[in-house]
């Protein structure tokens, strides 16, 4: 059985990825995201996340 890992932006007051309160993205965060994606064997993306990078 595989382990499920959820990786989200979550504030201390419980806001999850609110467009009004986006996290400031920086190089260190990019490196952490790249490491998580490289370690995964399967990614589950929502439509809004997938469509901008969808092959045409």
Foldseek 3Di string as FASTA:
>chain_A
DDDDDDDFDADPVGDTCDPVDDDDDDDVVVVVVVVVVVPDPDDDDDPVVAVVVDDD
